[in-house]
């Protein structure tokens, strides 16, 4: 016959084993979440996250970093002939300096000529020209996001 002390000891051992199994299951669940986010592979190797590819905006010759999302409530674009004009707003979790570098490189590749850039503690304004069109890009970090406003307009004809 089994004594009461042995039964109690067996219950304690079972409880400890269940807690250990539960903790190991929790750790593996965390590891699989990290793998699904692209941070850790099943072999423990660190993977680089691949950012989404850049996309063209409604302006058709202004490339937008893939990490940015359009804020449709703050965007208004109208078509004028074969080009568009207006304002588009974007936001995303990307560093301000990375966005500045992106536009510094990509705008000239699309035929835009850099006119000037003004940096301040509040934002960075970049101005580009292309033929008789002008583009202003306002970039500012806000908390953990970077906000980008892009305006494209035709040059005003002088009489």
Protein backbone atom coordinates (compact mmCIF):
# COMPACT_ATOMS: atom_id res chain seq x y z
CA UNK A 1 0.00 0.00 0.00
CA UNK A 2 1.22 3.50 -0.87
CA UNK A 3 1.55 5.97 1.97
CA UNK A 4 0.00 9.42 2.04
CA UNK A 5 3.48 11.02 2.02
CA UNK A 6 4.48 9.20 -1.19
CA UNK A 7 1.27 10.30 -2.94
CA UNK A 8 1.87 13.90 -1.91
CA UNK A 9 5.46 13.70 -3.16
CA UNK A 10 4.30 12.25 -6.51
CA UNK A 11 1.73 15.06 -6.87
CA UNK A 12 4.45 17.65 -6.24
CA UNK A 13 6.75 16.05 -8.82
CA UNK A 14 3.90 15.97 -11.37
CA UNK A 15 3.09 19.65 -10.69
CA UNK A 16 6.74 20.66 -11.15
CA UNK A 17 6.95 18.66 -14.39
CA UNK A 18 3.72 20.26 -15.70
CA UNK A 19 5.02 23.77 -14.91
CA UNK A 20 8.32 22.98 -16.69
CA UNK A 21 6.47 21.67 -19.75
CA UNK A 22 4.20 24.70 -19.75
CA UNK A 23 7.21 27.05 -19.58
CA UNK A 24 8.98 25.25 -22.43
CA UNK A 25 5.82 25.43 -24.56
CA UNK A 26 5.62 29.17 -23.87
CA UNK A 27 9.24 29.69 -24.89
CA UNK A 28 8.75 27.80 -28.14
CA UNK A 29 5.64 29.87 -28.88
CA UNK A 30 7.65 33.04 -28.39
CA UNK A 31 10.40 31.67 -30.62
CA UNK A 32 7.89 30.89 -33.39
CA UNK A 33 6.49 34.44 -33.13
CA UNK A 34 9.99 35.83 -33.54
CA UNK A 35 10.49 33.57 -36.56
CA UNK A 36 7.24 34.72 -38.17
CA UNK A 37 8.37 38.35 -37.83
CA UNK A 38 11.59 37.54 -39.62
CA UNK A 39 13.88 38.06 -36.64
CA UNK A 40 15.07 34.54 -35.93
CA UNK A 41 15.17 31.45 -38.10
CA UNK A 42 14.48 27.93 -36.73
CA UNK A 43 18.24 27.37 -36.52
CA UNK A 44 18.72 30.48 -34.39
CA UNK A 45 20.29 32.52 -37.19
CA UNK A 46 19.40 36.19 -37.34
CA UNK A 47 17.57 37.18 -40.52
CA UNK A 48 17.44 40.66 -42.02
CA UNK A 49 13.92 41.98 -42.54
CA UNK A 50 13.36 42.93 -46.15
CA UNK A 51 11.49 46.24 -46.44
CA UNK A 52 8.59 46.42 -48.87
CA UNK A 53 9.57 47.71 -52.32
CA UNK A 54 9.04 51.41 -53.10
CA UNK A 55 5.94 52.36 -55.07
CA UNK A 56 4.98 55.24 -57.34
CA UNK A 57 2.42 57.68 -56.02
CA UNK A 58 -0.49 59.29 -57.84
CA UNK A 59 2.06 61.77 -59.20
CA UNK A 60 3.50 58.90 -61.33
CA UNK A 61 7.07 60.24 -61.17
CA UNK A 62 7.49 60.47 -57.40
CA UNK A 63 8.67 57.20 -55.86
CA UNK A 64 7.59 56.53 -52.26
CA UNK A 65 9.47 54.31 -49.76
CA UNK A 66 7.60 51.04 -49.29
CA UNK A 67 7.63 51.43 -45.49
CA UNK A 68 5.32 54.45 -45.74
CA UNK A 69 1.52 54.24 -45.75
CA UNK A 70 -0.65 56.87 -47.41
CA UNK A 71 -2.91 58.92 -45.15
CA UNK A 72 -5.85 59.28 -47.54
CA UNK A 73 -7.64 61.74 -45.22
CA UNK A 74 -4.73 64.19 -45.66
CA UNK A 75 -4.24 63.63 -49.41
CA UNK A 76 -5.83 65.43 -52.35
CA UNK A 77 -4.63 64.97 -55.93
CA UNK A 78 -6.19 66.21 -59.16
CA UNK A 79 -5.24 65.31 -62.70
CA UNK A 80 -4.19 68.13 -65.03
CA UNK A 81 -3.54 66.91 -68.54
CA UNK A 82 -0.95 64.16 -68.40
CA UNK A 83 0.29 65.06 -64.92
CA UNK A 84 -1.18 65.29 -61.44
CA UNK A 85 -0.95 68.02 -58.83
CA UNK A 86 -1.91 68.29 -55.19
CA UNK A 87 -0.77 66.97 -51.83
CA UNK A 88 -0.16 63.47 -50.54
CA UNK A 89 0.55 62.53 -46.92
CA UNK A 90 2.32 59.43 -45.66
CA UNK A 91 3.45 58.00 -42.35
CA UNK A 92 5.47 55.02 -41.22
CA UNK A 93 7.96 53.57 -38.78
CA UNK A 94 11.10 54.58 -40.61
CA UNK A 95 13.91 56.93 -39.60
CA UNK A 96 13.73 60.49 -40.89
CA UNK A 97 17.31 60.41 -42.21
CA UNK A 98 16.52 57.25 -44.18
CA UNK A 99 13.58 58.99 -45.88
CA UNK A 100 15.75 62.03 -46.66
CA UNK A 101 18.40 59.80 -48.21
CA UNK A 102 15.74 57.93 -50.22
CA UNK A 103 14.37 61.11 -51.83
CA UNK A 104 17.88 62.55 -52.35
CA UNK A 105 18.72 59.48 -54.46
CA UNK A 106 15.39 58.58 -56.09
CA UNK A 107 14.04 61.97 -57.15
CA UNK A 108 16.94 62.67 -59.60
CA UNK A 109 16.53 59.13 -60.98
CA UNK A 110 12.98 60.18 -61.96
CA UNK A 111 14.10 63.41 -63.63
CA UNK A 112 13.67 65.76 -60.68
CA UNK A 113 16.42 68.33 -60.01
CA UNK A 114 17.20 69.17 -56.38
CA UNK A 115 16.73 72.92 -55.81
CA UNK A 116 17.24 73.23 -52.05
CA UNK A 117 16.90 71.47 -48.72
CA UNK A 118 16.25 73.11 -45.36
CA UNK A 119 16.78 71.14 -42.14
CA UNK A 120 15.49 72.31 -38.79
CA UNK A 121 14.86 70.63 -35.44
CA UNK A 122 11.19 70.35 -36.44
CA UNK A 123 11.35 69.02 -40.00
CA UNK A 124 13.27 68.83 -43.25
CA UNK A 125 11.93 70.47 -46.39
CA UNK A 126 13.22 69.33 -49.78
CA UNK A 127 12.35 71.19 -53.00
CA UNK A 128 12.72 69.72 -56.50
CA UNK A 129 11.90 70.97 -60.00
CA UNK A 130 11.15 69.12 -63.21
CA UNK A 131 10.36 71.10 -66.32
CA UNK A 132 7.55 73.43 -65.29
CA UNK A 133 6.59 71.43 -62.20
CA UNK A 134 7.72 71.84 -58.61
CA UNK A 135 7.73 69.29 -55.79
CA UNK A 136 8.05 70.02 -52.08
CA UNK A 137 8.64 67.23 -49.57
CA UNK A 138 8.22 67.92 -45.87
CA UNK A 139 9.63 65.20 -43.59
CA UNK A 140 9.26 65.16 -39.81
CA UNK A 141 9.61 62.63 -37.05
CA UNK A 142 6.68 62.44 -34.67
CA UNK A 143 7.05 59.95 -31.83
CA UNK A 144 7.88 56.58 -33.34
CA UNK A 145 6.61 57.54 -36.81
CA UNK A 146 7.91 59.72 -39.59
CA UNK A 147 5.37 61.85 -41.44
CA UNK A 148 5.94 62.86 -45.06
CA UNK A 149 3.90 65.43 -46.98
CA UNK A 150 4.51 65.74 -50.71
CA UNK A 151 3.14 68.58 -52.80
CA UNK A 152 3.40 68.81 -56.58
CA UNK A 153 2.27 71.86 -58.53
CA UNK A 154 2.83 73.41 -61.96
CA UNK A 155 4.87 76.56 -62.28
CA UNK A 156 2.74 79.69 -62.49
CA UNK A 157 2.96 81.24 -65.95
CA UNK A 158 4.17 84.86 -65.86
CA UNK A 159 2.56 87.35 -68.19
